[in-house]
Amino acid sequence: MGSEATQQGAGARLLSPDEAKHELEQGGVTLIDVGEPWQLRERGTIAGARNISHEEIAAVAVADAALADREQPIILTCGGGGKAKRAAEALREIGFEDVSVIHGGCRGWQAAGHELVAYAGSDEPHNK
């Protein structure tokens, strides 16, 4: 369904916002917004997204038990898609096999008529 819009890019599948929404509705997918926490607070994010900044994604993925399964499907987003593509490359390099990026990031998601929600997380940089 709709795979004609799916492209290969940066070592990850590039999903249209509609394809990503469909996959998220099916469940069993981890959604990660790789923007900085301040960016998420400013623009909002996709409902259910976990925030791990693109600069920390590889280190967090190695240490986080929730990301131990390298075969789990992961969808990445950010403001416009660029940081998510770089984060996808980093995840592929450490062995993640099913990594997708939302084409256009949160801006593309919103332009396709899908809602962004206020970021409720209190994630701060890991420098405590």
Protein backbone atom coordinates (compact mmCIF):
# COMPACT_ATOMS: atom_id res chain seq x y z
CA MET A 1 0.00 0.00 0.00
CA GLY A 2 1.53 3.28 -1.14
CA SER A 3 5.02 1.83 -1.53
CA GLU A 4 5.50 3.85 -4.72
CA ALA A 5 6.33 6.86 -2.52
CA THR A 6 8.84 4.85 -0.53
CA GLN A 7 12.40 5.51 -1.61
CA GLN A 8 15.81 4.44 -0.45
CA GLY A 9 17.73 7.31 1.10
CA ALA A 10 20.64 7.64 3.51
CA GLY A 11 20.52 3.94 4.31
CA ALA A 12 16.91 4.16 5.43
CA ARG A 13 13.50 4.00 3.82
CA LEU A 14 12.03 7.40 3.12
CA LEU A 15 8.34 7.38 4.05
CA SER A 16 5.72 9.88 3.02
CA PRO A 17 3.88 11.34 6.01
CA ASP A 18 0.82 9.26 5.07
CA GLU A 19 2.86 6.05 4.92
CA ALA A 20 4.44 6.85 8.28
CA LYS A 21 1.03 7.56 9.82
CA HIS A 22 -0.24 4.21 8.54
CA GLU A 23 2.77 2.33 9.97
CA LEU A 24 2.41 4.10 13.32
CA GLU A 25 -1.29 3.24 13.45
CA GLN A 26 -0.42 -0.43 12.83
CA GLY A 27 1.76 -0.38 15.97
CA GLY A 28 4.98 -2.18 16.83
CA VAL A 29 7.08 0.78 15.64
CA THR A 30 9.33 3.04 17.72
CA LEU A 31 8.98 6.71 16.74
CA ILE A 32 11.92 8.94 17.63
CA ASP A 33 12.12 12.70 17.09
CA VAL A 34 15.83 13.49 16.83
CA GLY A 35 15.49 17.25 17.27
CA GLU A 36 16.86 19.03 20.31
CA PRO A 37 14.41 19.25 23.26
CA TRP A 38 14.11 23.03 22.82
CA GLN A 39 13.11 22.50 19.18
CA LEU A 40 10.38 20.07 20.17
CA ARG A 41 9.08 22.50 22.79
CA GLU A 42 9.02 25.22 20.11
CA ARG A 43 7.41 23.30 17.22
CA GLY A 44 5.73 20.31 18.85
CA THR A 45 6.18 16.74 17.68
CA ILE A 46 4.25 13.73 16.46
CA ALA A 47 2.11 12.06 19.13
CA GLY A 48 3.96 9.17 20.76
CA ALA A 49 7.42 10.30 19.68
CA ARG A 50 10.33 9.73 22.00
CA ASN A 51 13.02 12.42 21.92
CA ILE A 52 16.66 11.47 21.47
CA SER A 53 18.76 14.18 19.82
CA HIS A 54 20.49 13.29 16.58
CA GLU A 55 23.87 13.92 18.21
CA GLU A 56 23.18 11.38 20.97
CA ILE A 57 21.20 8.73 19.08
CA ALA A 58 23.99 6.18 18.56
CA ALA A 59 25.25 6.39 22.16
CA VAL A 60 21.74 6.19 23.62
CA ALA A 61 20.78 3.32 21.30
CA VAL A 62 23.77 1.27 22.46
CA ALA A 63 22.97 1.81 26.16
CA ASP A 64 19.15 1.85 26.16
CA ALA A 65 17.48 -1.52 26.86
CA ALA A 66 14.35 -0.36 24.97
CA LEU A 67 16.48 -0.19 21.82
CA ALA A 68 18.34 -3.48 22.33
CA ASP A 69 16.48 -5.22 19.50
CA ARG A 70 18.32 -4.17 16.33
CA GLU A 71 15.53 -5.62 14.16
CA GLN A 72 12.72 -3.50 15.63
CA PRO A 73 11.19 -1.02 13.19
CA ILE A 74 12.14 2.57 13.91
CA ILE A 75 10.76 5.71 12.31
CA LEU A 76 12.76 8.91 12.71
CA THR A 77 11.63 12.50 12.33
CA CYS A 78 12.95 15.99 13.05
CA GLY A 79 11.92 19.47 11.94
CA GLY A 80 12.54 19.04 8.21
CA GLY A 81 14.09 15.60 7.74
CA GLY A 82 17.83 16.35 7.50
CA LYS A 83 18.82 15.45 11.05
CA ALA A 84 16.66 12.32 10.88
CA LYS A 85 18.55 11.15 7.77
CA ARG A 86 21.89 11.60 9.57
CA ALA A 87 20.54 9.78 12.63
CA ALA A 88 19.33 6.95 10.39
CA GLU A 89 22.85 6.53 9.02
CA ALA A 90 24.21 6.36 12.59
CA LEU A 91 21.65 3.70 13.56
CA ARG A 92 22.36 1.65 10.44
CA GLU A 93 26.09 1.77 11.22
CA ILE A 94 25.50 0.15 14.63
CA GLY A 95 23.31 -2.59 13.24
CA PHE A 96 19.71 -1.38 13.10
CA GLU A 97 18.07 -3.00 10.09
CA ASP A 98 14.61 -1.40 9.80
CA VAL A 99 15.06 2.36 9.96
CA SER A 100 12.74 4.78 8.17
CA VAL A 101 12.67 8.58 7.91
CA ILE A 102 9.56 10.70 7.46
CA HIS A 103 10.02 12.73 4.28
CA GLY A 104 9.94 16.41 5.26
CA GLY A 105 10.03 15.63 9.00
CA CYS A 106 7.48 17.32 11.23
CA ARG A 107 6.95 20.10 8.68
CA GLY A 108 6.06 17.49 6.04
CA TRP A 109 3.82 15.70 8.56
CA GLN A 110 1.95 18.93 9.27
CA ALA A 111 1.77 19.92 5.57
CA ALA A 112 0.12 16.55 4.88
CA GLY A 113 -2.65 17.53 7.29
CA HIS A 114 -1.48 15.55 10.31
CA GLU A 115 -1.36 17.03 13.78
CA LEU A 116 1.66 17.89 15.87
CA VAL A 117 1.23 17.81 19.64
CA ALA A 118 2.87 19.91 22.34
CA TYR A 119 6.07 18.31 23.57
CA ALA A 120 5.47 17.24 27.15
CA GLY A 121 8.85 15.66 27.84
CA SER A 122 11.33 17.08 30.25
CA ASP A 123 14.29 15.61 28.42
CA GLU A 124 17.32 17.76 28.94
CA PRO A 125 20.79 17.09 27.56
CA HIS A 126 22.46 14.16 29.30
CA ASN A 127 24.97 16.25 31.25
CA LYS A 128 23.73 15.84 34.83
